[in-house]
Each structure stands twice: as C-alpha cells, then as structure tokens.
Amino acid sequence: MDLVRTVTAAGVTTMTIDNPANRNALSTALLGQLLDALAASAADPDSRVVVLTHEGPVFSSGVDLKETAAAGPGDRLPAEMLADVLAVLWEFGKPVIARIAGPARAGGLGLIGAADIAVCVRSATFAFTEVRLGVIPAVISSTVLPRLSPRAAADLYLTGDVFDGARAAEIGLVTAAVAEDDLDDAVRRYCSSLVRGGPLALAGTKQLLRRTRADSIRADLADLAHRSAGYFKSAEGREGVAAAREKRDPDWIR
C-alpha cells in the first residue's frame, strides 16, 4: 500500500502522507516509506525542494497507537522509527517545507519542527497530547524545542492543550499561518524563492543554521570565514557571482 506518494515537477518534490482512513498516523510502514522517499529525493538532482503534505483533513495524528499497543517485546515501536525520520529531515541537504492544512498532534508536530519552513492554515489545530496518554514528548523534542520559546514549550507540553495556527506561528512552531485559500499560494511562493538558491549553498546554509558555535568569538569567526571562502571559491559560488555581475540567471535556474 502506498502510504507516501511522491511527484517531482519544476524542481519541487511533493511528498504526500496518504493514509487518511487512519488519520495519517505514523506507523512503521508509513515512516519506512517516508525514509525511502527522502533517500530518493536526496539522490535526485532534479529534486531541489521537498514539500511534505497530507491527503485528507488531518496532517497527522501522531504515532500509530494501535500498532504501538500491539507491539511485542522485540518489536520496534513507531516512536523509535520516527527518531530516524526526524534525524534525516533535520540533516536533509535540501530545503523542506511542511504544508499543513489540518490538525497535527504529538509525533506529527515532530515532522513540522524538522521542516525548514512550515506553513499552516489558521484553522489548523495542534497539541502535544503525550502527557494525557501517560507518556512524554521525548523523540519530537529534538526538533520541536529548538523552535519554541521556553515558556510556550512548558505551557503546551505540560497541559496538552489544543492551540490554533495563529498561536503556532506566534511561538515559532510554524513559519506562517494563512487563510485556507492562501495556503497553496504561500507554499508556491516559498518554493519559487528556494529553487533560486544554489543547491550546495542551500545545503551549506542549512548546516549553518544548525551549527554549534565555537567557544570564543575569534574561533567562531575563523570557522565562519573558512566556510565563506570555500563557497566563494567553489564552482557554484563563482557561477553565482558571475551571473550577478552579468545580470543573468545562474546555471542552476532552469
């Protein structure tokens, strides 16, 4: 069963979570297909940007609780495989946009946190429901906590309360919350901007956003100057600078 559908056009690979009958719950089967789709995109030079979206009214209800409850002592839980997916998304060398047209809960928020850009409709709802199940939002904290203010994280983690798209944007879980009719246009605008960036520069910028700073300002600047020089001297950097001087598109824009 195809639980993740992919299509690539104009540099954009759209990955659609497609199990609406199960509220797009994150089963090991679905997560395995998502890992395969990400690996295929990573190896495809025509795939410049990934849009992670969903079929049906729900983005994701979180890890598959039915599969979790039925798991035996030696079985791998969906939450454990989710850790693999979040690591791949966080380290992915191409920009990832989460398109959220409906509710997301628990593990689904981990996917949103792992995306570089997330756009939701204002009517979408979110909740960290783990404490109400007697568990903790452990795995998703790796990608979610860097996005949230500490006070918001404490509030929403501990209460499990539902919040809307506007609050999600306010606290940093998503990049923007828009009207339902504007969602696809907003995603397209981001895609159009992202495909204009050099592929290696985009990957390097993602690393820059996630790097750990050196202990001193001089060590930090030495590392950054080394990175900067490497990109200016690279073939991609030389082409980008030449294109800017000649007032033309660089060769990676098709």
Protein backbone atom coordinates (compact mmCIF):
# COMPACT_ATOMS: atom_id res chain seq x y z
CA MET A 1 0.00 0.00 0.00
CA ASP A 2 1.36 3.41 -0.97
CA LEU A 3 1.29 5.41 2.26
CA VAL A 4 3.58 8.14 0.91
CA ARG A 5 3.10 9.44 -2.65
CA THR A 6 5.77 11.49 -4.40
CA VAL A 7 5.84 13.62 -7.53
CA THR A 8 8.59 15.94 -8.78
CA ALA A 9 7.96 18.93 -11.05
CA ALA A 10 9.87 22.18 -11.64
CA GLY A 11 12.44 21.26 -9.02
CA VAL A 12 9.88 20.59 -6.28
CA THR A 13 9.24 17.11 -4.87
CA THR A 14 5.88 16.85 -3.15
CA MET A 15 5.66 14.02 -0.61
CA THR A 16 2.10 13.32 0.42
CA ILE A 17 1.32 11.30 3.55
CA ASP A 18 -1.62 9.27 2.30
CA ASN A 19 -3.46 7.24 4.92
CA PRO A 20 -6.44 9.45 5.79
CA ALA A 21 -8.51 6.47 6.97
CA ASN A 22 -6.02 6.19 9.86
CA ARG A 23 -5.75 9.96 10.31
CA ASN A 24 -2.28 9.76 8.74
CA ALA A 25 -0.96 8.07 11.86
CA LEU A 26 2.78 7.45 11.75
CA SER A 27 3.09 3.68 11.50
CA THR A 28 6.40 1.91 10.92
CA ALA A 29 5.23 1.13 7.38
CA LEU A 30 4.46 4.78 6.63
CA LEU A 31 7.67 6.00 8.24
CA GLY A 32 9.67 3.45 6.25
CA GLN A 33 8.14 4.72 3.00
CA LEU A 34 8.89 8.30 4.04
CA LEU A 35 12.54 7.36 4.60
CA ASP A 36 12.63 5.76 1.14
CA ALA A 37 11.09 8.87 -0.44
CA LEU A 38 13.62 11.14 1.26
CA ALA A 39 16.51 8.94 0.12
CA ALA A 40 15.21 9.08 -3.46
CA SER A 41 14.92 12.86 -3.31
CA ALA A 42 18.42 13.21 -1.87
CA ALA A 43 19.82 11.26 -4.84
CA ASP A 44 17.80 13.12 -7.49
CA PRO A 45 19.43 16.31 -8.85
CA ASP A 46 16.07 17.39 -10.27
CA SER A 47 14.63 17.46 -6.74
CA ARG A 48 15.63 20.84 -5.32
CA VAL A 49 12.94 21.38 -2.66
CA VAL A 50 10.71 18.96 -0.73
CA VAL A 51 7.14 19.80 0.25
CA LEU A 52 5.75 17.49 2.92
CA THR A 53 1.96 17.49 2.86
CA HIS A 54 -1.01 15.22 3.51
CA GLU A 55 -4.09 13.65 1.99
CA GLY A 56 -7.35 14.18 3.86
CA PRO A 57 -8.31 16.64 6.57
CA VAL A 58 -5.62 15.68 9.13
CA PHE A 59 -1.89 16.36 8.73
CA SER A 60 -1.02 13.61 11.21
CA SER A 61 -2.50 12.30 14.43
CA GLY A 62 0.95 11.26 15.67
CA VAL A 63 2.49 7.82 16.04
CA ASP A 64 0.20 4.86 15.35
CA LEU A 65 -1.15 3.98 18.80
CA LYS A 66 -2.84 0.79 17.60
CA GLU A 67 0.46 -0.55 16.28
CA THR A 68 2.22 0.63 19.43
CA ALA A 69 -0.24 -1.18 21.71
CA ALA A 70 0.08 -4.41 19.70
CA ALA A 71 3.89 -4.39 19.64
CA GLY A 72 5.72 -7.27 21.27
CA PRO A 73 8.85 -7.03 23.45
CA GLY A 74 11.17 -7.36 20.44
CA ASP A 75 9.22 -5.16 18.04
CA ARG A 76 10.41 -1.73 17.04
CA LEU A 77 7.90 0.95 18.05
CA PRO A 78 6.74 3.66 15.65
CA ALA A 79 8.19 6.27 18.01
CA GLU A 80 11.62 4.69 17.62
CA MET A 81 11.42 4.77 13.82
CA LEU A 82 10.15 8.35 14.00
CA ALA A 83 13.53 9.23 15.51
CA ASP A 84 15.20 8.02 12.30
CA VAL A 85 12.86 10.11 10.14
CA LEU A 86 13.35 13.25 12.20
CA ALA A 87 17.13 12.87 12.01
CA VAL A 88 17.00 12.53 8.22
CA LEU A 89 14.70 15.52 7.87
CA TRP A 90 16.81 17.69 10.19
CA GLU A 91 20.03 16.85 8.34
CA PHE A 92 18.47 16.78 4.85
CA GLY A 93 20.57 18.65 2.31
CA LYS A 94 17.62 20.28 0.55
CA PRO A 95 15.02 22.71 1.91
CA VAL A 96 11.91 21.05 3.36
CA ILE A 97 8.56 22.82 3.59
CA ALA A 98 5.72 21.42 5.69
CA ARG A 99 2.28 22.21 4.25
CA ILE A 100 -0.32 21.84 6.99
CA ALA A 101 -3.99 22.09 6.02
CA GLY A 102 -5.41 20.39 9.09
CA PRO A 103 -4.81 19.18 12.64
CA ALA A 104 -1.49 17.77 13.85
CA ARG A 105 -0.87 16.01 17.11
CA ALA A 106 2.12 14.69 19.06
CA GLY A 107 4.53 12.95 16.63
CA GLY A 108 3.12 14.94 13.73
CA LEU A 109 4.50 18.07 15.39
CA GLY A 110 7.93 16.48 15.26
CA LEU A 111 7.72 16.41 11.46
CA ILE A 112 6.69 20.07 11.43
CA GLY A 113 9.57 21.02 13.72
CA ALA A 114 12.04 19.18 11.49
CA ALA A 115 10.97 21.12 8.38
CA ASP A 116 12.91 24.26 7.50
CA ILE A 117 9.73 26.19 6.70
CA ALA A 118 6.22 25.31 7.85
CA VAL A 119 3.02 26.94 6.60
CA CYS A 120 -0.36 26.12 8.11
CA VAL A 121 -3.91 27.33 7.78
CA ARG A 122 -5.08 29.45 10.69
CA SER A 123 -7.84 26.95 11.45
CA ALA A 124 -5.38 24.09 11.92
CA THR A 125 -5.10 22.84 15.48
CA PHE A 126 -2.11 21.41 17.31
CA ALA A 127 -1.49 19.66 20.62
CA PHE A 128 1.25 17.85 22.48
CA THR A 129 -1.08 15.15 23.78
CA GLU A 130 1.57 12.83 25.21
CA VAL A 131 1.10 13.63 28.92
CA ARG A 132 -2.60 12.85 28.62
CA LEU A 133 -1.62 9.35 27.47
CA GLY A 134 0.79 8.91 30.35
CA VAL A 135 3.89 9.28 28.16
CA ILE A 136 6.27 12.12 27.33
CA PRO A 137 7.03 14.03 24.10
CA ALA A 138 10.58 12.69 24.09
CA VAL A 139 11.55 11.97 20.48
CA ILE A 140 9.93 15.05 18.99
CA SER A 141 11.68 17.34 21.47
CA SER A 142 14.82 17.13 19.35
CA THR A 143 13.17 19.07 16.51
CA VAL A 144 10.40 20.92 18.34
CA LEU A 145 12.18 22.51 21.30
CA PRO A 146 14.66 24.48 19.11
CA ARG A 147 11.62 26.16 17.53
CA LEU A 148 9.64 27.08 20.64
CA SER A 149 10.09 29.71 23.32
CA PRO A 150 10.77 28.02 26.69
CA ARG A 151 7.58 29.38 28.29
CA ALA A 152 5.43 28.19 25.39
CA ALA A 153 7.07 24.77 25.48
CA ALA A 154 6.41 24.37 29.20
CA ASP A 155 2.80 25.51 28.83
CA LEU A 156 1.91 23.28 25.88
CA TYR A 157 3.98 20.23 26.83
CA LEU A 158 2.61 20.09 30.37
CA THR A 159 -1.04 20.93 29.72
CA GLY A 160 -1.55 19.07 26.44
CA ASP A 161 -3.96 21.84 25.49
CA VAL A 162 -5.05 22.44 21.90
CA PHE A 163 -3.83 25.61 20.16
CA ASP A 164 -4.52 27.10 16.74
CA GLY A 165 -2.44 28.14 13.75
CA ALA A 166 -2.05 31.73 14.90
CA ARG A 167 -0.56 30.58 18.21
CA ALA A 168 1.66 28.09 16.37
CA ALA A 169 3.12 30.96 14.33
CA GLU A 170 3.45 33.19 17.38
CA ILE A 171 5.54 30.65 19.30
CA GLY A 172 7.66 29.56 16.32
CA LEU A 173 6.29 26.09 15.64
CA VAL A 174 5.34 27.23 12.13
CA THR A 175 6.72 29.95 9.89
CA ALA A 176 3.35 31.37 8.87
CA ALA A 177 -0.37 30.82 9.40
CA VAL A 178 -2.54 31.84 6.45
CA ALA A 179 -6.15 31.71 5.29
CA GLU A 180 -7.20 28.38 3.79
CA ASP A 181 -7.48 29.85 0.30
CA ASP A 182 -3.94 31.23 0.54
CA LEU A 183 -2.13 28.06 1.65
CA ASP A 184 -1.07 26.74 -1.75
CA ASP A 185 -0.05 30.17 -3.00
CA ALA A 186 2.10 30.68 0.10
CA VAL A 187 3.81 27.31 -0.40
CA ARG A 188 4.39 28.06 -4.10
CA ARG A 189 5.99 31.40 -3.23
CA TYR A 190 8.42 29.73 -0.87
CA CYS A 191 9.23 27.07 -3.48
CA SER A 192 9.83 29.72 -6.14
CA SER A 193 12.28 31.51 -3.87
CA LEU A 194 14.08 28.39 -2.73
CA VAL A 195 14.80 26.98 -6.19
CA ARG A 196 16.71 30.19 -7.00
CA GLY A 197 19.35 29.30 -4.41
CA GLY A 198 22.43 27.33 -5.37
CA PRO A 199 21.97 23.66 -4.37
CA LEU A 200 25.27 23.46 -2.49
CA ALA A 201 24.72 26.87 -0.92
CA LEU A 202 21.29 25.83 0.33
CA ALA A 203 22.76 22.69 1.90
CA GLY A 204 25.56 24.72 3.46
CA THR A 205 23.15 27.33 4.77
CA LYS A 206 21.09 24.61 6.43
CA GLN A 207 24.26 23.39 8.15
CA LEU A 208 25.00 26.96 9.19
CA LEU A 209 21.58 27.32 10.79
CA ARG A 210 22.14 24.18 12.85
CA ARG A 211 25.81 24.53 13.76
CA THR A 212 27.11 24.75 17.31
CA ARG A 213 29.02 27.95 17.92
CA ALA A 214 32.66 27.80 18.92
CA ASP A 215 33.64 28.74 22.48
CA SER A 216 35.15 32.12 21.57
CA ILE A 217 34.22 34.83 19.08
CA ARG A 218 37.59 34.52 17.31
CA ALA A 219 37.27 30.75 16.91
CA ASP A 220 33.70 31.19 15.75
CA LEU A 221 34.63 33.82 13.16
CA ALA A 222 37.60 31.75 11.97
CA ASP A 223 35.25 28.85 11.27
CA LEU A 224 32.75 31.10 9.51
CA ALA A 225 35.44 32.83 7.42
CA HIS A 226 36.73 29.42 6.31
CA ARG A 227 33.22 28.35 5.30
CA SER A 228 32.61 31.62 3.45
CA ALA A 229 35.86 31.41 1.49
CA GLY A 230 35.14 27.83 0.49
CA TYR A 231 31.81 28.77 -1.04
CA PHE A 232 33.14 31.87 -2.81
CA LYS A 233 35.93 29.76 -4.36
CA SER A 234 33.65 26.88 -5.35
CA ALA A 235 32.39 26.41 -8.91
CA GLU A 236 28.87 27.17 -7.76
CA GLY A 237 29.97 30.34 -5.98
CA ARG A 238 31.98 31.54 -8.97
CA GLU A 239 29.00 30.92 -11.25
CA GLY A 240 26.65 32.77 -8.90
CA VAL A 241 28.94 35.80 -8.64
CA ALA A 242 29.47 35.86 -12.43
CA ALA A 243 25.72 35.64 -13.04
CA ALA A 244 25.06 38.53 -10.65
CA ARG A 245 27.68 40.70 -12.36
CA GLU A 246 26.35 39.80 -15.81
CA LYS A 247 22.73 40.33 -14.74
CA ARG A 248 21.61 36.84 -15.76
CA ASP A 249 20.27 33.74 -14.02
CA PRO A 250 22.90 31.31 -12.76
CA ASP A 251 23.05 27.92 -14.45
CA TRP A 252 21.18 26.10 -11.68
CA ILE A 253 17.99 28.03 -12.50
CA ARG A 254 16.17 26.25 -15.32
